Amino acid sequence: MGATTQTIDYAAVLADLKARRAQLDAAIAGIEASLLGSKILIGTAAVDISTSPTPAAVNTQNVSSIQSDTFFNLSIVDATKKFLAMRKGVATTVEITDALRRGGQINAGQETFPVTLTSILHRGYRQGAGVIRTGRGTWGLSEWYPNKAKKPSNDE
């Protein structure tokens, strides 16, 4: 019997793993949010955001006013910043994904968008684009955290 040689598509495997990681991150963030209430995880410490300079109360009127073109023609980072400003508080990757999809951000309809969003927000965080990672899978505006330095990039 002859041995067959099989080629592994590592790009497909990597994309699948990243998609699964994004789903797990979203699930973890949801559970953390329900367990911690008004607290977020920064590293291993739970920080109460209800007394922090970050607005903790979500303005549901502004968030519910997302129209089908609210984020149309905006970059992913700009759309995320606009959503966070409307929300007036931190949001998970899942919440941002949902809002950008409802608001017509052009890339948000893609099946792999949560992975793309996470990657772009991490890059924006490293480059000082105005978004900041406040916890695993949780994002806020950097203006809410003036004393938190941007995450150093690998090439610095």
N, C-alpha and C. Protein backbone atom coordinates (compact mmCIF):
# COMPACT_ATOMS: atom_id res chain seq x y z
N MET A 1 0.84 -1.17 0.00
CA MET A 1 0.00 0.00 0.00
C MET A 1 0.88 1.23 0.00
N GLY A 2 0.55 2.17 -0.88
CA GLY A 2 1.34 3.38 -0.99
C GLY A 2 0.87 4.45 -0.03
N ALA A 3 1.79 5.21 0.45
CA ALA A 3 1.45 6.30 1.36
C ALA A 3 0.95 7.49 0.54
N THR A 4 -0.09 8.14 1.04
CA THR A 4 -0.59 9.33 0.36
C THR A 4 -0.06 10.56 1.07
N THR A 5 0.26 11.53 0.28
CA THR A 5 0.75 12.79 0.83
C THR A 5 -0.40 13.78 0.85
N GLN A 6 -0.65 14.33 2.01
CA GLN A 6 -1.73 15.29 2.16
C GLN A 6 -1.14 16.65 2.50
N THR A 7 -1.63 17.67 1.82
CA THR A 7 -1.18 19.03 2.10
C THR A 7 -2.16 19.67 3.07
N ILE A 8 -1.64 20.27 4.10
CA ILE A 8 -2.48 20.94 5.09
C ILE A 8 -2.54 22.42 4.76
N ASP A 9 -3.73 22.93 4.69
CA ASP A 9 -3.94 24.36 4.45
C ASP A 9 -3.88 25.09 5.79
N TYR A 10 -2.67 25.50 6.18
CA TYR A 10 -2.49 26.12 7.48
C TYR A 10 -3.22 27.45 7.62
N ALA A 11 -3.39 28.15 6.52
CA ALA A 11 -4.13 29.41 6.57
C ALA A 11 -5.58 29.15 6.97
N ALA A 12 -6.18 28.10 6.43
CA ALA A 12 -7.56 27.75 6.78
C ALA A 12 -7.65 27.28 8.23
N VAL A 13 -6.68 26.50 8.66
CA VAL A 13 -6.66 26.01 10.04
C VAL A 13 -6.54 27.19 10.99
N LEU A 14 -5.63 28.11 10.68
CA LEU A 14 -5.44 29.29 11.52
C LEU A 14 -6.69 30.16 11.56
N ALA A 15 -7.34 30.36 10.43
CA ALA A 15 -8.57 31.15 10.40
C ALA A 15 -9.66 30.50 11.24
N ASP A 16 -9.76 29.18 11.16
CA ASP A 16 -10.75 28.46 11.96
C ASP A 16 -10.46 28.61 13.45
N LEU A 17 -9.20 28.46 13.84
CA LEU A 17 -8.83 28.61 15.25
C LEU A 17 -9.10 30.01 15.76
N LYS A 18 -8.81 31.03 14.94
CA LYS A 18 -9.08 32.40 15.35
C LYS A 18 -10.56 32.65 15.51
N ALA A 19 -11.37 32.09 14.63
CA ALA A 19 -12.82 32.25 14.75
C ALA A 19 -13.32 31.60 16.03
N ARG A 20 -12.80 30.42 16.33
CA ARG A 20 -13.19 29.75 17.58
C ARG A 20 -12.75 30.55 18.79
N ARG A 21 -11.53 31.12 18.73
CA ARG A 21 -11.04 31.94 19.84
C ARG A 21 -11.93 33.15 20.04
N ALA A 22 -12.35 33.80 18.95
CA ALA A 22 -13.23 34.97 19.07
C ALA A 22 -14.55 34.58 19.72
N GLN A 23 -15.08 33.41 19.36
CA GLN A 23 -16.32 32.96 19.97
C GLN A 23 -16.13 32.68 21.46
N LEU A 24 -15.00 32.05 21.81
CA LEU A 24 -14.72 31.80 23.22
C LEU A 24 -14.52 33.10 23.99
N ASP A 25 -13.78 34.05 23.40
CA ASP A 25 -13.58 35.34 24.05
C ASP A 25 -14.91 36.04 24.30
N ALA A 26 -15.80 35.98 23.32
CA ALA A 26 -17.11 36.60 23.47
C ALA A 26 -17.91 35.92 24.57
N ALA A 27 -17.86 34.60 24.62
CA ALA A 27 -18.58 33.87 25.67
C ALA A 27 -18.01 34.21 27.04
N ILE A 28 -16.70 34.24 27.15
CA ILE A 28 -16.04 34.58 28.42
C ILE A 28 -16.43 35.99 28.84
N ALA A 29 -16.38 36.94 27.90
CA ALA A 29 -16.73 38.33 28.22
C ALA A 29 -18.17 38.43 28.70
N GLY A 30 -19.07 37.70 28.09
CA GLY A 30 -20.47 37.72 28.51
C GLY A 30 -20.65 37.17 29.90
N ILE A 31 -19.98 36.07 30.19
CA ILE A 31 -20.08 35.48 31.53
C ILE A 31 -19.45 36.40 32.56
N GLU A 32 -18.28 36.98 32.23
CA GLU A 32 -17.65 37.92 33.16
C GLU A 32 -18.55 39.11 33.43
N ALA A 33 -19.19 39.62 32.38
CA ALA A 33 -20.07 40.78 32.56
C ALA A 33 -21.23 40.44 33.47
N SER A 34 -21.80 39.25 33.31
CA SER A 34 -22.94 38.89 34.16
C SER A 34 -22.51 38.60 35.59
N LEU A 35 -21.31 38.07 35.78
CA LEU A 35 -20.83 37.78 37.12
C LEU A 35 -20.32 39.01 37.85
N LEU A 36 -19.69 39.90 37.10
CA LEU A 36 -19.04 41.05 37.73
C LEU A 36 -19.92 42.28 37.80
N GLY A 37 -21.03 42.31 37.08
CA GLY A 37 -21.91 43.48 37.10
C GLY A 37 -21.21 44.70 36.59
N SER A 38 -20.96 45.67 37.45
CA SER A 38 -20.34 46.92 37.03
C SER A 38 -18.83 46.88 37.14
N LYS A 39 -18.26 45.69 37.19
CA LYS A 39 -16.81 45.57 37.27
C LYS A 39 -16.28 44.99 35.98
N ILE A 40 -15.05 45.34 35.66
CA ILE A 40 -14.37 44.76 34.50
C ILE A 40 -13.06 44.15 34.98
N LEU A 41 -12.55 43.22 34.23
CA LEU A 41 -11.27 42.62 34.58
C LEU A 41 -10.15 43.35 33.87
N ILE A 42 -9.17 43.77 34.64
CA ILE A 42 -7.95 44.33 34.09
C ILE A 42 -6.84 43.46 34.65
N GLY A 43 -6.30 42.64 33.78
CA GLY A 43 -5.39 41.60 34.25
C GLY A 43 -6.18 40.60 35.03
N THR A 44 -5.82 40.38 36.30
CA THR A 44 -6.57 39.47 37.15
C THR A 44 -7.39 40.21 38.19
N ALA A 45 -7.35 41.54 38.16
CA ALA A 45 -8.07 42.33 39.16
C ALA A 45 -9.41 42.80 38.62
N ALA A 46 -10.44 42.69 39.44
CA ALA A 46 -11.76 43.21 39.07
C ALA A 46 -11.81 44.67 39.51
N VAL A 47 -12.05 45.58 38.57
CA VAL A 47 -12.08 47.00 38.85
C VAL A 47 -13.51 47.48 38.71
N ASP A 48 -14.01 48.18 39.74
CA ASP A 48 -15.37 48.70 39.71
C ASP A 48 -15.40 49.92 38.80
N ILE A 49 -16.14 49.83 37.69
CA ILE A 49 -16.18 50.94 36.76
C ILE A 49 -17.30 51.92 37.09
N SER A 50 -18.12 51.60 38.08
CA SER A 50 -19.21 52.51 38.41
C SER A 50 -18.69 53.78 39.07
N THR A 51 -17.47 53.74 39.62
CA THR A 51 -16.90 54.92 40.23
C THR A 51 -15.72 55.47 39.45
N SER A 52 -15.43 54.86 38.30
CA SER A 52 -14.31 55.31 37.48
C SER A 52 -14.75 56.46 36.58
N PRO A 53 -13.80 57.16 35.94
CA PRO A 53 -14.18 58.24 35.05
C PRO A 53 -14.91 57.77 33.81
N THR A 54 -14.87 56.48 33.53
CA THR A 54 -15.59 55.94 32.39
C THR A 54 -17.06 55.90 32.70
N PRO A 55 -17.90 56.45 31.86
CA PRO A 55 -19.33 56.38 32.13
C PRO A 55 -19.79 54.93 32.15
N ALA A 56 -20.32 54.48 33.27
CA ALA A 56 -20.70 53.08 33.40
C ALA A 56 -22.14 52.84 32.95
N ALA A 57 -22.97 53.85 33.09
CA ALA A 57 -24.36 53.68 32.71
C ALA A 57 -24.49 53.77 31.20
N VAL A 58 -25.08 52.78 30.62
CA VAL A 58 -25.27 52.76 29.17
C VAL A 58 -26.49 53.58 28.82
N ASN A 59 -26.32 54.49 27.90
CA ASN A 59 -27.45 55.29 27.45
C ASN A 59 -28.18 54.49 26.37
N THR A 60 -29.20 53.75 26.78
CA THR A 60 -29.88 52.87 25.85
C THR A 60 -30.66 53.65 24.79
N GLN A 61 -31.03 54.86 25.08
CA GLN A 61 -31.73 55.66 24.08
C GLN A 61 -30.81 55.91 22.88
N ASN A 62 -29.58 56.30 23.14
CA ASN A 62 -28.64 56.54 22.05
C ASN A 62 -28.28 55.25 21.32
N VAL A 63 -28.10 54.15 22.06
CA VAL A 63 -27.75 52.88 21.44
C VAL A 63 -28.91 52.34 20.62
N SER A 64 -30.13 52.50 21.11
CA SER A 64 -31.29 52.00 20.37
C SER A 64 -31.58 52.88 19.16
N SER A 65 -30.95 54.04 19.08
CA SER A 65 -31.18 54.92 17.93
C SER A 65 -30.24 54.62 16.77
N ILE A 66 -29.55 53.49 16.83
CA ILE A 66 -28.67 53.10 15.72
C ILE A 66 -29.54 52.82 14.50
N GLN A 67 -29.27 53.54 13.45
CA GLN A 67 -29.99 53.37 12.19
C GLN A 67 -29.18 52.47 11.26
N SER A 68 -29.79 52.05 10.18
CA SER A 68 -29.12 51.14 9.26
C SER A 68 -27.91 51.78 8.57
N ASP A 69 -27.76 53.11 8.68
CA ASP A 69 -26.62 53.79 8.06
C ASP A 69 -25.77 54.57 9.06
N THR A 70 -25.94 54.31 10.35
CA THR A 70 -25.20 55.04 11.38
C THR A 70 -23.69 54.94 11.20
N PHE A 71 -23.21 53.77 10.80
CA PHE A 71 -21.77 53.55 10.66
C PHE A 71 -21.35 53.36 9.21
N PHE A 72 -22.25 53.68 8.29
CA PHE A 72 -21.96 53.52 6.87
C PHE A 72 -20.79 54.40 6.48
N ASN A 73 -19.88 53.85 5.71
CA ASN A 73 -18.71 54.55 5.17
C ASN A 73 -17.70 54.96 6.25
N LEU A 74 -17.78 54.36 7.44
CA LEU A 74 -16.79 54.60 8.48
C LEU A 74 -15.87 53.39 8.56
N SER A 75 -14.61 53.63 8.91
CA SER A 75 -13.69 52.53 9.14
C SER A 75 -14.17 51.75 10.37
N ILE A 76 -13.63 50.57 10.57
CA ILE A 76 -14.01 49.76 11.72
C ILE A 76 -13.67 50.48 13.02
N VAL A 77 -12.48 51.08 13.10
CA VAL A 77 -12.09 51.79 14.31
C VAL A 77 -12.99 53.01 14.54
N ASP A 78 -13.23 53.79 13.49
CA ASP A 78 -14.08 54.98 13.64
C ASP A 78 -15.52 54.61 14.00
N ALA A 79 -16.03 53.54 13.41
CA ALA A 79 -17.38 53.08 13.74
C ALA A 79 -17.44 52.61 15.19
N THR A 80 -16.41 51.91 15.63
CA THR A 80 -16.36 51.44 17.02
C THR A 80 -16.30 52.62 17.98
N LYS A 81 -15.48 53.61 17.67
CA LYS A 81 -15.39 54.80 18.52
C LYS A 81 -16.72 55.53 18.58
N LYS A 82 -17.40 55.63 17.46
CA LYS A 82 -18.71 56.29 17.43
C LYS A 82 -19.71 55.52 18.28
N PHE A 83 -19.70 54.19 18.17
CA PHE A 83 -20.62 53.37 18.97
C PHE A 83 -20.32 53.52 20.45
N LEU A 84 -19.04 53.44 20.84
CA LEU A 84 -18.69 53.57 22.26
C LEU A 84 -19.09 54.93 22.81
N ALA A 85 -18.92 55.98 22.00
CA ALA A 85 -19.34 57.32 22.42
C ALA A 85 -20.86 57.38 22.58
N MET A 86 -21.59 56.76 21.66
CA MET A 86 -23.06 56.70 21.77
C MET A 86 -23.47 55.93 23.02
N ARG A 87 -22.80 54.85 23.27
CA ARG A 87 -23.12 53.97 24.40
C ARG A 87 -22.76 54.61 25.73
N LYS A 88 -21.71 55.43 25.70
CA LYS A 88 -21.19 56.10 26.89
C LYS A 88 -20.69 55.11 27.93
N GLY A 89 -20.05 54.05 27.44
CA GLY A 89 -19.49 53.04 28.32
C GLY A 89 -18.79 51.97 27.51
N VAL A 90 -18.07 51.10 28.22
CA VAL A 90 -17.33 50.04 27.56
C VAL A 90 -18.29 49.04 26.93
N ALA A 91 -17.79 48.28 25.97
CA ALA A 91 -18.61 47.27 25.29
C ALA A 91 -17.74 46.07 24.94
N THR A 92 -18.38 44.93 24.86
CA THR A 92 -17.67 43.71 24.48
C THR A 92 -17.58 43.65 22.96
N THR A 93 -16.70 42.77 22.49
CA THR A 93 -16.56 42.56 21.05
C THR A 93 -17.90 42.14 20.44
N VAL A 94 -18.64 41.31 21.14
CA VAL A 94 -19.95 40.85 20.65
C VAL A 94 -20.91 42.03 20.51
N GLU A 95 -20.94 42.91 21.51
CA GLU A 95 -21.83 44.07 21.46
C GLU A 95 -21.45 45.02 20.33
N ILE A 96 -20.15 45.22 20.16
CA ILE A 96 -19.67 46.10 19.08
C ILE A 96 -20.01 45.49 17.73
N THR A 97 -19.79 44.19 17.59
CA THR A 97 -20.12 43.50 16.33
C THR A 97 -21.59 43.69 16.00
N ASP A 98 -22.46 43.45 16.96
CA ASP A 98 -23.90 43.58 16.75
C ASP A 98 -24.27 45.00 16.34
N ALA A 99 -23.72 45.99 17.04
CA ALA A 99 -24.03 47.38 16.73
C ALA A 99 -23.55 47.78 15.34
N LEU A 100 -22.33 47.39 14.99
CA LEU A 100 -21.80 47.74 13.68
C LEU A 100 -22.57 47.07 12.55
N ARG A 101 -23.03 45.86 12.80
CA ARG A 101 -23.86 45.18 11.81
C ARG A 101 -25.19 45.91 11.64
N ARG A 102 -25.83 46.27 12.76
CA ARG A 102 -27.11 47.00 12.68
C ARG A 102 -26.93 48.36 12.04
N GLY A 103 -25.75 48.97 12.25
CA GLY A 103 -25.51 50.32 11.78
C GLY A 103 -24.90 50.42 10.40
N GLY A 104 -24.76 49.30 9.69
CA GLY A 104 -24.35 49.35 8.30
C GLY A 104 -22.86 49.51 8.03
N GLN A 105 -22.00 49.18 9.01
CA GLN A 105 -20.57 49.22 8.72
C GLN A 105 -20.30 48.17 7.65
N ILE A 106 -19.65 48.56 6.59
CA ILE A 106 -19.58 47.77 5.36
C ILE A 106 -18.97 46.38 5.54
N ASN A 107 -18.02 46.20 6.45
CA ASN A 107 -17.37 44.91 6.66
C ASN A 107 -18.08 44.04 7.69
N ALA A 108 -19.00 44.61 8.44
CA ALA A 108 -19.59 43.92 9.59
C ALA A 108 -20.46 42.73 9.23
N GLY A 109 -20.92 42.65 8.00
CA GLY A 109 -21.78 41.55 7.61
C GLY A 109 -21.05 40.24 7.37
N GLN A 110 -19.74 40.30 7.29
CA GLN A 110 -18.96 39.09 7.02
C GLN A 110 -19.03 38.13 8.21
N GLU A 111 -19.04 36.85 7.91
CA GLU A 111 -19.14 35.83 8.96
C GLU A 111 -17.97 35.91 9.94
N THR A 112 -16.80 36.24 9.43
CA THR A 112 -15.60 36.29 10.27
C THR A 112 -15.37 37.68 10.88
N PHE A 113 -16.38 38.55 10.84
CA PHE A 113 -16.19 39.91 11.30
C PHE A 113 -15.71 40.01 12.75
N PRO A 114 -16.22 39.21 13.69
CA PRO A 114 -15.71 39.34 15.06
C PRO A 114 -14.20 39.17 15.16
N VAL A 115 -13.64 38.27 14.37
CA VAL A 115 -12.19 38.06 14.36
C VAL A 115 -11.50 39.28 13.78
N THR A 116 -12.04 39.78 12.67
CA THR A 116 -11.47 40.98 12.03
C THR A 116 -11.54 42.16 13.00
N LEU A 117 -12.68 42.34 13.64
CA LEU A 117 -12.87 43.45 14.59
C LEU A 117 -11.84 43.37 15.70
N THR A 118 -11.69 42.20 16.30
CA THR A 118 -10.73 42.05 17.39
C THR A 118 -9.32 42.38 16.93
N SER A 119 -8.94 41.89 15.77
CA SER A 119 -7.60 42.15 15.25
C SER A 119 -7.38 43.64 15.00
N ILE A 120 -8.36 44.29 14.38
CA ILE A 120 -8.22 45.71 14.07
C ILE A 120 -8.22 46.57 15.33
N LEU A 121 -9.04 46.21 16.31
CA LEU A 121 -9.06 46.98 17.56
C LEU A 121 -7.75 46.81 18.33
N HIS A 122 -7.19 45.60 18.32
CA HIS A 122 -5.88 45.40 18.96
C HIS A 122 -4.83 46.26 18.27
N ARG A 123 -4.83 46.28 16.94
CA ARG A 123 -3.87 47.10 16.20
C ARG A 123 -4.09 48.58 16.52
N GLY A 124 -5.34 49.00 16.52
CA GLY A 124 -5.65 50.39 16.85
C GLY A 124 -5.20 50.76 18.26
N TYR A 125 -5.36 49.83 19.18
CA TYR A 125 -4.93 50.04 20.56
C TYR A 125 -3.41 50.24 20.61
N ARG A 126 -2.68 49.37 19.90
CA ARG A 126 -1.21 49.48 19.89
C ARG A 126 -0.75 50.78 19.23
N GLN A 127 -1.51 51.26 18.24
CA GLN A 127 -1.11 52.44 17.49
C GLN A 127 -1.70 53.73 18.04
N GLY A 128 -2.43 53.65 19.13
CA GLY A 128 -2.99 54.83 19.75
C GLY A 128 -4.12 55.47 18.94
N ALA A 129 -4.99 54.63 18.38
CA ALA A 129 -6.07 55.12 17.51
C ALA A 129 -7.32 55.58 18.26
N GLY A 130 -7.27 55.58 19.58
CA GLY A 130 -8.40 56.09 20.35
C GLY A 130 -9.26 55.02 20.99
N VAL A 131 -8.95 53.75 20.79
CA VAL A 131 -9.65 52.67 21.48
C VAL A 131 -8.67 51.99 22.42
N ILE A 132 -9.20 51.43 23.48
CA ILE A 132 -8.34 50.81 24.48
C ILE A 132 -8.99 49.53 24.97
N ARG A 133 -8.19 48.54 25.17
CA ARG A 133 -8.68 47.27 25.70
C ARG A 133 -8.78 47.42 27.21
N THR A 134 -10.00 47.28 27.74
CA THR A 134 -10.22 47.44 29.17
C THR A 134 -10.28 46.12 29.90
N GLY A 135 -10.36 45.05 29.15
CA GLY A 135 -10.43 43.71 29.71
C GLY A 135 -10.47 42.73 28.55
N ARG A 136 -10.50 41.47 28.84
CA ARG A 136 -10.52 40.46 27.78
C ARG A 136 -11.81 40.59 26.98
N GLY A 137 -11.68 40.98 25.72
CA GLY A 137 -12.84 41.14 24.85
C GLY A 137 -13.69 42.34 25.16
N THR A 138 -13.16 43.32 25.89
CA THR A 138 -13.91 44.51 26.28
C THR A 138 -13.12 45.75 25.88
N TRP A 139 -13.83 46.74 25.32
CA TRP A 139 -13.19 47.91 24.74
C TRP A 139 -13.83 49.19 25.24
N GLY A 140 -13.02 50.25 25.30
CA GLY A 140 -13.50 51.57 25.66
C GLY A 140 -12.73 52.62 24.86
N LEU A 141 -13.09 53.86 25.08
CA LEU A 141 -12.38 54.96 24.42
C LEU A 141 -11.17 55.35 25.27
N SER A 142 -10.05 55.58 24.63
CA SER A 142 -8.83 55.90 25.37
C SER A 142 -8.96 57.21 26.14
N GLU A 143 -9.83 58.11 25.68
CA GLU A 143 -10.02 59.37 26.41
C GLU A 143 -10.61 59.15 27.80
N TRP A 144 -11.25 58.01 28.02
CA TRP A 144 -11.79 57.68 29.33
C TRP A 144 -10.71 57.21 30.29
N TYR A 145 -9.54 56.87 29.76
CA TYR A 145 -8.43 56.34 30.55
C TYR A 145 -7.16 57.12 30.23
N PRO A 146 -7.10 58.39 30.60
CA PRO A 146 -5.96 59.22 30.18
C PRO A 146 -4.61 58.77 30.76
N ASN A 147 -4.62 58.03 31.85
CA ASN A 147 -3.36 57.62 32.46
C ASN A 147 -2.91 56.24 32.04
N LYS A 148 -3.68 55.58 31.18
CA LYS A 148 -3.29 54.24 30.72
C LYS A 148 -2.52 54.38 29.41
N ALA A 149 -1.30 53.90 29.44
CA ALA A 149 -0.45 53.98 28.25
C ALA A 149 -0.94 53.00 27.20
N LYS A 150 -0.68 53.32 25.94
CA LYS A 150 -1.04 52.38 24.87
C LYS A 150 -0.17 51.14 25.01
N LYS A 151 -0.73 50.03 24.53
CA LYS A 151 -0.02 48.76 24.56
C LYS A 151 1.14 48.83 23.58
N PRO A 152 2.35 48.49 24.03
CA PRO A 152 3.47 48.51 23.09
C PRO A 152 3.30 47.46 22.00
N SER A 153 3.63 47.84 20.77
CA SER A 153 3.54 46.88 19.68
C SER A 153 4.78 46.01 19.67
N ASN A 154 4.70 44.91 18.98
CA ASN A 154 5.82 43.97 18.92
C ASN A 154 7.02 44.55 18.19
N ASP A 155 6.78 45.54 17.29
CA ASP A 155 7.88 46.07 16.51
C ASP A 155 8.53 47.29 17.15
N GLU A 156 8.11 47.64 18.35
CA GLU A 156 8.73 48.79 19.03
C GLU A 156 9.86 48.37 19.91
